[in-house]
Structures are given as C-alpha cells and as structure tokens.
C-alpha cells in the first residue's frame, strides 16, 4: 500500500533529493578531479608526485559514497507499508542506528547514532526502512538539527502515525580536530511529535528504552 497522500507529498517538497534544477549544471567527473588537484596545490603539495597521482580520483569516489543520499527520494523509500499487525498499537523503537555524515560548514565528519520511535496508526514499515531513512539524510551535507527534523518530518508525514520521536547523539569533527579542539564532546538533538510531545509518560518510556530516562522533554 502507498502510505503517502498527495498533500503529504507536497509538504515533503523539501525532502526531495537536493540536486540542481538543470542536470547540465552539474560539473563532470573531470572537473571534480581538477578541483581536488587545485586544493592539493593550494595546501602546498604537488599533485603530480607519486603518492598523490591517484588522490583526485579517490577523493571523487569518496564523495560519491559520502553524498549518495542526494540521489535517493526519502518519500519513495517509505512507500511500502504493512497493515496486518493484529491491532498492535504500542511504540516501535529502533535505537543505536550508527551513522556517518559531514558538516555542511567544514565538510568534516559527524559520527553518531540515531534513536527512532513511532506509535503506529493501523500500519507499520519494515525496520530496515528506518535505518535506510537515516542513511539517506546522513549521506548529505548536514547540520545535526536539520537532520533530526528531516527524519521526524518524513516519517510523520508519510506514515501518519500517532507520534514520532527522533534523538540523535553525535560527535562533530569540526570542533574536535579544528577550532576549539574539544575532544569527547557529544551533541544531542531531538524532535518529539504527536503523543511523544503531548504525553509525558510516552516520552518518558521512549527515553528509558534508549537509555536516557528523563522525566521531562528532551528539547525540540
């Protein structure tokens, strides 16, 4: 069954792959490799020396992997749902979903884990789709706050559950390997929707399941 309505799809316009309106505007692979060579020269090294000859190609291939999320539509990812759940209406939680992303300000790694929960309303999705939803947004240039909201928005608008909760805990290499150099610091962001926002006991149960038994809301 297709879960998303035309209205929900319209709301999720911002969740579509963030690509140029005109594919012809996208630089070619040779252009990307040339840009890496320029950066190597700017850094003070010689891109023609033996150790760096293959670096432009390797960097471009790494970018293709790191930013593969731009080529995936998260709405399409969640289209297949299941209604044969025998009346199950308790929360579904997927915790400790590890992810690797990159900061949109410095293109430095963001490494952490995501906890996702939702209260189904007549239908559910396969748990692998939740992990893949995390990957779609992680494999883009990101800030953690935006990524948290994108996961919650997409799951809420497409699946239409009674509630959605998303918590992300991550370390940002842009502040551990440069700038203030504060190693061991984690950032926590959350989005609570529906029952998780309105019902303190539901929110408390979720936080206890993910190992953070707080009595109040965890931000929003």
Protein backbone atom coordinates (compact mmCIF):
# COMPACT_ATOMS: atom_id res chain seq x y z
CA UNK A 1 0.00 0.00 0.00
CA UNK A 2 1.18 3.53 -0.72
CA UNK A 3 1.07 5.45 2.53
CA UNK A 4 1.73 8.99 1.41
CA UNK A 5 -1.06 11.24 0.23
CA UNK A 6 -0.75 13.97 -2.41
CA UNK A 7 -0.93 16.53 0.39
CA UNK A 8 1.86 14.83 2.33
CA UNK A 9 3.99 14.56 -0.79
CA UNK A 10 3.55 18.28 -1.40
CA UNK A 11 4.58 19.05 2.18
CA UNK A 12 7.70 17.00 1.68
CA UNK A 13 8.93 19.01 -1.27
CA UNK A 14 11.99 19.94 0.77
CA UNK A 15 12.75 16.26 1.41
CA UNK A 16 13.37 15.51 -2.27
CA UNK A 17 16.97 14.98 -3.39
CA UNK A 18 18.78 18.31 -3.28
CA UNK A 19 20.06 18.46 -6.85
CA UNK A 20 20.39 21.21 -9.43
CA UNK A 21 17.22 22.08 -11.33
CA UNK A 22 19.21 21.59 -14.52
CA UNK A 23 21.35 18.40 -14.57
CA UNK A 24 23.53 20.05 -17.20
CA UNK A 25 24.73 22.45 -14.48
CA UNK A 26 26.39 19.62 -12.53
CA UNK A 27 30.16 19.56 -13.05
CA UNK A 28 31.62 16.47 -14.67
CA UNK A 29 33.93 13.99 -13.00
CA UNK A 30 36.99 15.50 -14.67
CA UNK A 31 36.00 18.92 -13.32
CA UNK A 32 35.73 17.47 -9.81
CA UNK A 33 39.13 15.81 -10.08
CA UNK A 34 40.66 19.06 -11.34
CA UNK A 35 39.19 20.87 -8.31
CA UNK A 36 40.90 18.35 -5.98
CA UNK A 37 44.21 18.95 -7.76
CA UNK A 38 43.77 22.70 -7.18
CA UNK A 39 43.15 22.14 -3.47
CA UNK A 40 46.23 19.94 -3.22
CA UNK A 41 48.32 22.68 -4.79
CA UNK A 42 46.69 25.29 -2.53
CA UNK A 43 47.59 23.16 0.51
CA UNK A 44 51.22 23.33 -0.57
CA UNK A 45 51.76 19.90 -2.09
CA UNK A 46 52.45 18.61 -5.59
CA UNK A 47 49.50 16.68 -7.11
CA UNK A 48 51.90 15.19 -9.69
CA UNK A 49 54.09 13.40 -7.18
CA UNK A 50 53.72 9.63 -6.98
CA UNK A 51 51.75 9.46 -3.71
CA UNK A 52 49.13 11.94 -4.91
CA UNK A 53 48.65 10.90 -8.52
CA UNK A 54 45.57 8.83 -7.74
CA UNK A 55 44.24 11.11 -4.99
CA UNK A 56 41.82 13.18 -7.12
CA UNK A 57 40.11 10.01 -8.38
CA UNK A 58 39.95 8.54 -4.87
CA UNK A 59 38.52 11.76 -3.41
CA UNK A 60 35.80 11.94 -6.06
CA UNK A 61 34.87 8.29 -5.46
CA UNK A 62 34.73 9.00 -1.72
CA UNK A 63 32.42 11.97 -2.36
CA UNK A 64 30.14 9.71 -4.43
CA UNK A 65 29.77 7.45 -1.40
CA UNK A 66 29.61 10.12 1.30
CA UNK A 67 26.94 12.15 -0.51
CA UNK A 68 24.93 9.37 -2.17
CA UNK A 69 21.84 10.49 -0.25
CA UNK A 70 21.19 13.26 -2.75
CA UNK A 71 20.20 10.63 -5.29
CA UNK A 72 17.55 8.95 -3.12
CA UNK A 73 14.00 10.21 -2.54
CA UNK A 74 13.09 9.53 1.13
CA UNK A 75 9.37 9.62 0.32
CA UNK A 76 9.72 6.78 -2.19
CA UNK A 77 11.75 4.85 0.37
CA UNK A 78 8.78 4.65 2.77
CA UNK A 79 6.05 3.78 0.29
CA UNK A 80 5.64 0.11 1.19
CA UNK A 81 3.73 -0.35 4.45
CA UNK A 82 2.03 -3.27 6.20
CA UNK A 83 -1.43 -3.30 7.75
CA UNK A 84 -1.61 -6.90 9.02
CA UNK A 85 -0.41 -6.08 12.53
CA UNK A 86 -3.20 -7.72 14.60
CA UNK A 87 -4.10 -4.44 16.29
CA UNK A 88 -0.57 -3.69 17.53
CA UNK A 89 -0.56 -0.10 18.80
CA UNK A 90 2.45 0.20 21.12
CA UNK A 91 5.58 2.12 20.26
CA UNK A 92 8.14 0.74 17.83
CA UNK A 93 11.72 1.74 18.61
CA UNK A 94 14.91 1.35 16.60
CA UNK A 95 17.84 2.50 18.68
CA UNK A 96 21.59 2.93 18.24
CA UNK A 97 21.48 3.31 14.44
CA UNK A 98 25.06 4.33 13.71
CA UNK A 99 25.60 6.94 11.02
CA UNK A 100 28.39 8.91 9.40
CA UNK A 101 27.65 12.31 7.91
CA UNK A 102 29.53 15.50 7.06
CA UNK A 103 29.15 19.02 8.40
CA UNK A 104 27.94 21.43 5.74
CA UNK A 105 30.15 24.18 7.14
CA UNK A 106 33.55 22.43 7.04
CA UNK A 107 32.80 19.08 5.32
CA UNK A 108 34.18 17.46 8.48
CA UNK A 109 32.78 14.11 9.68
CA UNK A 110 29.81 13.87 12.04
CA UNK A 111 29.71 10.42 13.63
CA UNK A 112 26.98 9.25 15.96
CA UNK A 113 23.79 7.27 16.46
CA UNK A 114 20.09 7.83 15.94
CA UNK A 115 17.17 6.55 18.01
CA UNK A 116 13.78 6.48 16.26
CA UNK A 117 10.35 5.61 17.63
CA UNK A 118 6.80 5.85 16.35
CA UNK A 119 3.32 4.89 17.52
CA UNK A 120 1.63 3.17 14.57
CA UNK A 121 -1.86 4.02 13.41
CA UNK A 122 -3.00 0.85 11.60
CA UNK A 123 0.19 0.34 9.59
CA UNK A 124 3.92 -0.14 10.03
CA UNK A 125 7.03 -0.16 7.84
CA UNK A 126 9.91 -2.61 7.71
CA UNK A 127 12.59 -1.74 10.26
CA UNK A 128 15.29 -1.70 7.59
CA UNK A 129 13.49 1.27 6.05
CA UNK A 130 14.04 3.26 9.24
CA UNK A 131 17.78 2.58 9.05
CA UNK A 132 17.81 3.48 5.36
CA UNK A 133 15.94 6.72 6.09
CA UNK A 134 18.76 7.67 8.45
CA UNK A 135 21.30 6.87 5.73
CA UNK A 136 19.50 8.97 3.10
CA UNK A 137 19.78 12.09 5.22
CA UNK A 138 23.21 11.26 6.69
CA UNK A 139 24.69 10.89 3.20
CA UNK A 140 24.24 14.61 2.53
CA UNK A 141 25.93 17.73 3.81
CA UNK A 142 24.23 18.30 7.15
CA UNK A 143 23.80 20.06 10.42
CA UNK A 144 22.53 17.81 13.18
CA UNK A 145 19.47 19.90 13.97
CA UNK A 146 18.25 19.77 10.38
CA UNK A 147 18.90 16.04 10.05
CA UNK A 148 16.87 15.36 13.22
CA UNK A 149 13.92 17.35 11.88
CA UNK A 150 14.13 15.80 8.40
CA UNK A 151 13.90 12.25 9.75
CA UNK A 152 10.98 13.14 12.03
CA UNK A 153 9.15 15.14 9.34
CA UNK A 154 9.45 12.43 6.70
CA UNK A 155 8.36 9.61 8.98
CA UNK A 156 5.46 11.65 10.39
CA UNK A 157 4.15 12.98 7.08
CA UNK A 158 4.47 9.76 5.08
CA UNK A 159 3.47 7.11 7.64
CA UNK A 160 0.92 9.31 9.51
CA UNK A 161 1.49 7.65 12.91
CA UNK A 162 0.10 8.76 16.27
CA UNK A 163 3.52 10.05 17.25
CA UNK A 164 7.18 10.17 16.24
CA UNK A 165 10.33 10.64 18.28
CA UNK A 166 13.88 11.09 17.00
CA UNK A 167 17.01 11.59 19.11
CA UNK A 168 20.49 11.97 17.64
CA UNK A 169 23.72 11.83 19.62
CA UNK A 170 26.88 12.68 17.67
CA UNK A 171 30.43 13.95 17.78
CA UNK A 172 31.44 16.67 15.34
CA UNK A 173 34.97 16.55 13.98
CA UNK A 174 34.70 20.22 13.02
CA UNK A 175 35.13 21.03 16.72
CA UNK A 176 37.31 18.09 17.81
CA UNK A 177 40.01 18.25 15.10
CA UNK A 178 40.00 22.01 14.45
CA UNK A 179 38.84 25.24 16.04
CA UNK A 180 38.28 24.75 19.76
CA UNK A 181 39.69 21.16 19.69
CA UNK A 182 37.26 19.81 22.31
CA UNK A 183 37.51 16.02 22.08
CA UNK A 184 34.90 13.77 23.69
CA UNK A 185 32.05 16.28 23.38
CA UNK A 186 28.71 14.96 22.13
CA UNK A 187 25.75 16.92 20.80
CA UNK A 188 22.20 15.71 21.46
CA UNK A 189 19.19 16.85 19.44
CA UNK A 190 15.59 15.66 19.49
CA UNK A 191 12.23 16.01 17.81
CA UNK A 192 9.05 14.86 19.53
CA UNK A 193 5.78 14.75 17.59
CA UNK A 194 2.22 13.78 18.49
CA UNK A 195 1.93 11.51 21.52
CA UNK A 196 5.64 11.78 22.31
CA UNK A 197 5.31 15.54 22.65
CA UNK A 198 1.91 15.65 24.32
CA UNK A 199 2.11 12.67 26.70
CA UNK A 200 4.87 12.82 29.29
CA UNK A 201 4.61 9.11 30.16
CA UNK A 202 5.02 8.11 26.49
CA UNK A 203 8.02 10.37 26.16
CA UNK A 204 9.50 9.01 29.41
CA UNK A 205 9.04 5.41 28.21
CA UNK A 206 10.88 6.17 24.98
CA UNK A 207 13.75 7.91 26.76
CA UNK A 208 14.05 4.98 29.17
CA UNK A 209 14.21 2.50 26.28
CA UNK A 210 17.07 4.38 24.62
CA UNK A 211 18.94 4.63 27.91
CA UNK A 212 18.09 8.21 28.82
CA UNK A 213 15.33 8.02 31.47
CA UNK A 214 14.46 11.69 31.80
CA UNK A 215 11.15 12.91 33.19
CA UNK A 216 10.85 15.98 31.01
CA UNK A 217 11.05 16.77 27.31
CA UNK A 218 14.45 16.39 25.67
CA UNK A 219 14.48 19.61 23.71
CA UNK A 220 12.61 20.20 20.48
